[in-house]
N, C-alpha and C. Protein backbone atom coordinates (compact mmCIF):
# COMPACT_ATOMS: atom_id res chain seq x y z
N MET A 1 -4.35 -7.65 -23.25
CA MET A 1 -5.07 -8.13 -22.19
C MET A 1 -4.56 -7.74 -20.77
N LYS A 2 -3.07 -7.46 -20.92
CA LYS A 2 -2.44 -6.79 -19.66
C LYS A 2 -2.89 -5.65 -19.46
N ASN A 3 -3.12 -4.67 -20.56
CA ASN A 3 -3.50 -3.29 -20.46
C ASN A 3 -4.97 -3.34 -19.83
N LYS A 4 -5.80 -4.10 -20.13
CA LYS A 4 -6.92 -4.09 -19.62
C LYS A 4 -6.95 -4.37 -18.03
N LYS A 5 -6.28 -5.35 -17.70
CA LYS A 5 -6.13 -5.56 -16.23
C LYS A 5 -5.61 -4.38 -15.53
N SER A 6 -4.65 -3.57 -16.28
CA SER A 6 -4.15 -2.65 -15.49
C SER A 6 -5.06 -1.33 -15.54
N VAL A 7 -5.96 -1.31 -16.27
CA VAL A 7 -7.06 -0.23 -16.24
C VAL A 7 -8.01 -0.54 -15.08
N ILE A 8 -8.43 -1.90 -15.04
CA ILE A 8 -9.20 -2.19 -14.22
C ILE A 8 -8.70 -2.11 -12.64
N ALA A 9 -7.47 -2.47 -12.66
CA ALA A 9 -6.80 -2.25 -11.22
C ALA A 9 -6.58 -0.77 -10.95
N LEU A 10 -6.53 0.13 -11.86
CA LEU A 10 -6.31 1.46 -11.67
C LEU A 10 -7.78 2.06 -11.19
N ILE A 11 -8.55 1.61 -11.94
CA ILE A 11 -10.29 2.03 -11.62
C ILE A 11 -10.54 1.81 -9.98
N ILE A 12 -10.20 0.31 -9.75
CA ILE A 12 -10.37 -0.15 -8.36
C ILE A 12 -9.81 0.61 -7.33
N SER A 13 -8.44 0.81 -7.63
CA SER A 13 -7.66 1.66 -6.70
C SER A 13 -8.35 2.87 -6.59
N ALA A 14 -8.48 3.62 -7.51
CA ALA A 14 -9.01 4.95 -7.44
C ALA A 14 -10.36 4.96 -6.66
N ALA A 15 -11.32 3.99 -6.76
CA ALA A 15 -12.46 3.95 -6.08
C ALA A 15 -12.18 3.75 -4.69
N LEU A 16 -11.18 2.96 -4.31
CA LEU A 16 -10.92 2.66 -2.84
C LEU A 16 -10.42 3.95 -2.22
N ILE A 17 -9.35 4.76 -2.99
CA ILE A 17 -8.76 5.93 -2.36
C ILE A 17 -10.02 6.87 -2.35
N ILE A 18 -10.79 7.17 -3.36
CA ILE A 18 -11.87 8.02 -3.04
C ILE A 18 -12.83 7.62 -1.92
N THR A 19 -13.17 6.61 -1.80
CA THR A 19 -13.87 6.05 -0.81
C THR A 19 -13.30 6.45 0.67
N ILE A 20 -12.10 6.18 0.76
CA ILE A 20 -11.35 6.53 1.95
C ILE A 20 -11.24 7.85 2.43
N ILE A 21 -11.15 8.65 1.35
CA ILE A 21 -11.07 10.16 1.63
C ILE A 21 -12.43 10.67 1.83
N PHE A 22 -13.53 10.23 1.18
CA PHE A 22 -14.94 10.80 1.54
C PHE A 22 -15.19 10.31 3.00
N SER A 23 -14.97 9.00 3.20
CA SER A 23 -15.37 8.46 4.47
C SER A 23 -14.53 9.27 5.65
N ALA A 24 -13.17 9.56 5.64
CA ALA A 24 -12.53 10.35 6.57
C ALA A 24 -13.09 11.63 6.63
N GLY A 25 -13.53 12.52 5.42
CA GLY A 25 -14.12 13.71 5.64
C GLY A 25 -15.57 13.67 6.27
N TYR A 26 -16.17 12.49 6.12
CA TYR A 26 -17.41 12.48 7.01
C TYR A 26 -16.93 12.36 8.38
N ILE A 27 -16.14 11.62 8.83
CA ILE A 27 -15.69 11.44 10.17
C ILE A 27 -15.28 12.68 10.69
N VAL A 28 -14.63 13.56 9.93
CA VAL A 28 -14.09 14.90 10.50
C VAL A 28 -15.08 15.63 10.77
N LYS A 29 -16.14 15.68 9.67
CA LYS A 29 -17.26 16.78 9.94
C LYS A 29 -18.09 16.36 11.08
N GLU A 30 -18.35 14.99 11.22
CA GLU A 30 -19.25 14.52 12.38
C GLU A 30 -18.77 14.18 13.76
N ALA A 31 -17.33 14.54 13.75
CA ALA A 31 -16.67 14.28 14.86
C ALA A 31 -17.25 14.92 16.30
N GLU A 32 -17.82 16.12 16.13
CA GLU A 32 -18.40 16.80 17.20
C GLU A 32 -19.92 16.96 17.05
N HIS A 33 -20.50 15.74 16.84
CA HIS A 33 -21.93 15.81 16.59
C HIS A 33 -22.73 15.71 17.93
N ASP A 34 -23.89 15.82 17.89
CA ASP A 34 -24.72 15.92 18.99
C ASP A 34 -25.17 14.21 19.07
N CYS A 35 -24.61 13.53 20.15
CA CYS A 35 -24.84 12.04 20.01
C CYS A 35 -26.14 11.88 20.69
N THR A 36 -26.88 10.89 20.14
CA THR A 36 -28.18 10.68 20.68
C THR A 36 -28.12 9.42 21.73
N GLY A 37 -27.12 8.82 21.96
CA GLY A 37 -26.86 7.83 22.98
C GLY A 37 -26.41 6.53 22.47
N HIS A 38 -27.11 5.51 22.94
CA HIS A 38 -26.76 4.19 22.82
C HIS A 38 -26.74 3.73 21.35
N ASP A 39 -27.71 4.02 20.46
CA ASP A 39 -27.82 3.53 19.14
C ASP A 39 -27.78 4.61 18.13
N CYS A 40 -26.65 5.46 18.63
CA CYS A 40 -26.42 6.61 17.65
C CYS A 40 -25.88 6.16 16.29
N PRO A 41 -26.31 6.43 15.07
CA PRO A 41 -26.08 6.05 13.81
C PRO A 41 -24.59 6.72 13.30
N ILE A 42 -24.48 7.82 13.61
CA ILE A 42 -23.16 8.52 13.30
C ILE A 42 -22.07 7.81 14.06
N CYS A 43 -22.17 7.47 15.35
CA CYS A 43 -21.20 6.90 16.23
C CYS A 43 -20.93 5.47 15.66
N ALA A 44 -21.92 4.68 15.07
CA ALA A 44 -21.74 3.40 14.46
C ALA A 44 -20.97 3.68 13.13
N ASN A 45 -21.30 4.63 12.61
CA ASN A 45 -20.26 4.88 11.07
C ASN A 45 -18.83 5.13 11.36
N ILE A 46 -18.68 5.95 12.55
CA ILE A 46 -17.51 6.23 12.74
C ILE A 46 -16.50 4.99 13.41
N TRP A 47 -17.21 4.26 14.09
CA TRP A 47 -16.54 2.97 14.51
C TRP A 47 -16.44 2.09 13.60
N THR A 48 -17.33 2.02 12.50
CA THR A 48 -17.09 1.00 11.48
C THR A 48 -16.00 1.40 10.53
N PHE A 49 -15.92 2.81 10.29
CA PHE A 49 -14.78 3.14 9.45
C PHE A 49 -13.22 3.03 9.97
N VAL A 50 -13.20 3.27 11.56
CA VAL A 50 -12.13 3.07 12.09
C VAL A 50 -11.74 1.65 12.29
N HIS A 51 -12.60 0.73 12.54
CA HIS A 51 -12.17 -0.52 12.38
C HIS A 51 -11.89 -1.32 10.92
N ARG A 52 -12.41 -0.68 10.08
CA ARG A 52 -12.33 -1.03 8.65
C ARG A 52 -10.81 -0.54 8.19
N MET A 53 -10.31 0.72 8.69
CA MET A 53 -9.11 1.21 8.57
C MET A 53 -8.03 0.30 9.09
N GLN A 54 -8.34 -0.19 10.42
CA GLN A 54 -7.50 -0.85 11.15
C GLN A 54 -7.26 -2.36 10.32
N ALA A 55 -8.26 -2.84 9.80
CA ALA A 55 -8.27 -4.31 9.09
C ALA A 55 -7.66 -4.00 7.74
N LEU A 56 -7.81 -2.81 7.09
CA LEU A 56 -7.08 -2.79 5.87
C LEU A 56 -5.34 -2.41 6.05
N GLY A 57 -4.95 -1.91 7.05
CA GLY A 57 -3.68 -1.73 7.40
C GLY A 57 -3.01 -3.07 7.79
N PHE A 58 -4.01 -3.88 8.70
CA PHE A 58 -3.39 -5.17 9.09
C PHE A 58 -3.05 -5.98 7.80
N PHE A 59 -4.27 -5.92 6.83
CA PHE A 59 -4.21 -6.64 5.50
C PHE A 59 -2.98 -6.36 4.70
N CYS A 60 -2.71 -4.94 4.64
CA CYS A 60 -1.51 -4.57 3.89
C CYS A 60 -0.19 -4.82 4.37
N ALA A 61 -0.09 -5.10 5.76
CA ALA A 61 1.16 -5.57 6.55
C ALA A 61 1.35 -6.94 6.15
N ILE A 62 0.28 -7.76 6.09
CA ILE A 62 0.40 -9.23 5.84
C ILE A 62 0.66 -9.53 4.38
N LEU A 63 0.15 -8.71 3.49
CA LEU A 63 0.54 -8.65 2.19
C LEU A 63 1.97 -8.43 1.77
N LEU A 64 2.47 -7.34 2.57
CA LEU A 64 3.75 -6.97 2.35
C LEU A 64 4.82 -8.15 2.84
N LEU A 65 4.29 -8.90 4.05
CA LEU A 65 5.13 -9.80 4.22
C LEU A 65 5.27 -11.18 3.46
N ALA A 66 4.05 -11.31 2.89
CA ALA A 66 4.00 -12.59 1.91
C ALA A 66 4.58 -12.00 0.76
N LEU A 67 4.74 -10.91 0.21
CA LEU A 67 5.49 -10.71 -1.03
C LEU A 67 6.71 -10.63 -0.66
N ILE A 68 7.25 -10.30 0.57
CA ILE A 68 8.74 -10.39 0.87
C ILE A 68 9.05 -11.77 0.88
N GLY A 69 8.26 -12.71 1.63
CA GLY A 69 8.56 -14.17 1.55
C GLY A 69 8.51 -14.81 -0.04
N VAL A 70 7.73 -14.34 -0.68
CA VAL A 70 7.68 -14.90 -2.10
C VAL A 70 8.96 -14.44 -2.98
N TYR A 71 9.20 -13.21 -2.89
CA TYR A 71 10.35 -12.74 -3.76
C TYR A 71 11.67 -12.54 -2.90
N LYS A 72 11.77 -13.06 -1.87
CA LYS A 72 13.05 -13.06 -1.05
C LYS A 72 14.14 -13.70 -1.64
N HIS A 73 14.00 -15.01 -2.24
CA HIS A 73 14.86 -15.64 -2.90
C HIS A 73 15.50 -15.04 -4.30
N LYS A 74 14.62 -14.22 -4.71
CA LYS A 74 14.95 -13.41 -5.96
C LYS A 74 15.91 -12.42 -5.76
N PHE A 75 15.29 -11.74 -4.68
CA PHE A 75 16.28 -10.52 -3.95
C PHE A 75 17.56 -10.99 -3.70
N ILE A 76 17.80 -11.96 -2.92
CA ILE A 76 18.90 -12.56 -2.40
C ILE A 76 19.83 -12.98 -3.45
N SER A 77 19.37 -13.80 -4.52
CA SER A 77 20.15 -14.27 -5.79
C SER A 77 20.61 -13.09 -6.43
N LEU A 78 19.89 -12.00 -6.66
CA LEU A 78 20.29 -10.78 -7.44
C LEU A 78 21.37 -10.08 -6.44
N LEU A 79 21.38 -9.98 -5.33
CA LEU A 79 22.08 -9.39 -4.34
C LEU A 79 23.56 -10.25 -4.56
N ARG A 80 23.51 -11.63 -4.25
CA ARG A 80 24.79 -12.46 -4.55
C ARG A 80 25.32 -12.42 -5.75
N THR A 81 24.58 -12.38 -6.95
CA THR A 81 25.13 -12.15 -8.26
C THR A 81 25.97 -10.88 -8.38
N GLU A 82 25.37 -9.82 -7.82
CA GLU A 82 26.08 -8.63 -7.83
C GLU A 82 27.26 -8.63 -7.08
N PHE A 83 27.51 -9.30 -5.94
CA PHE A 83 28.61 -9.19 -5.06
C PHE A 83 29.62 -10.11 -5.63
N GLU A 84 29.13 -11.40 -6.29
CA GLU A 84 30.16 -12.22 -6.87
C GLU A 84 30.80 -11.67 -8.17
N HIS A 85 30.24 -11.06 -8.92
CA HIS A 85 30.74 -10.60 -10.06
C HIS A 85 31.30 -9.28 -9.67
N GLY A 86 30.69 -8.41 -9.06
CA GLY A 86 31.25 -7.03 -8.44
C GLY A 86 31.08 -6.14 -9.71
N SER A 87 30.87 -4.97 -9.30
CA SER A 87 30.75 -3.88 -10.45
C SER A 87 31.92 -3.16 -10.18
N THR A 88 32.81 -3.24 -11.02
CA THR A 88 34.07 -2.42 -11.24
C THR A 88 33.85 -1.36 -12.14
N LEU A 89 34.82 -0.38 -12.21
CA LEU A 89 34.87 0.64 -13.08
C LEU A 89 35.17 0.03 -14.43
N VAL A 90 36.15 -1.07 -14.60
CA VAL A 90 36.48 -1.81 -15.66
C VAL A 90 35.30 -2.39 -16.26
N ASN A 91 34.47 -3.25 -15.24
CA ASN A 91 33.38 -3.97 -15.77
C ASN A 91 32.37 -3.10 -16.40
N LEU A 92 32.09 -1.88 -15.82
CA LEU A 92 31.23 -1.03 -16.38
C LEU A 92 31.66 -0.01 -17.76
N LYS A 93 33.02 -0.39 -17.86
CA LYS A 93 33.61 0.40 -19.08
C LYS A 93 33.68 1.77 -18.94
N ILE A 94 34.16 2.20 -17.83
CA ILE A 94 33.96 3.71 -17.59
C ILE A 94 35.45 4.00 -17.71
N LYS A 95 35.62 5.42 -18.37
CA LYS A 95 37.06 5.71 -18.71
C LYS A 95 37.13 6.93 -17.76
N LEU A 96 38.34 6.89 -17.05
CA LEU A 96 38.55 7.97 -15.89
C LEU A 96 39.48 9.14 -16.66
N SER A 97 40.11 8.90 -17.65
CA SER A 97 41.06 9.90 -18.08
C SER A 97 40.19 11.12 -18.69
N CYS A 98 40.71 12.35 -18.60
CA CYS A 98 40.10 13.44 -18.93
C CYS A 98 40.11 13.75 -20.48
């Protein structure tokens, strides 16, 4: 079941990346178009792409902050355990003689 979820997540991620790449290519291609004025469909597409990328960036930032908030206690407890026990060469059983 976990493998199936991983495959689905990979397919969705790949589709999102391909969509972003093709959209960016379209924007680059049409950046110097002959604008028809107020209701230009190409300008509307460019505007939509730019604002969706801004929203995606904002969503990723919020998601990162949420993940930091959720896993902060695990990270801090891991660091605290490491500092309390300490990793010495004796604990790691490293021999220094030649």
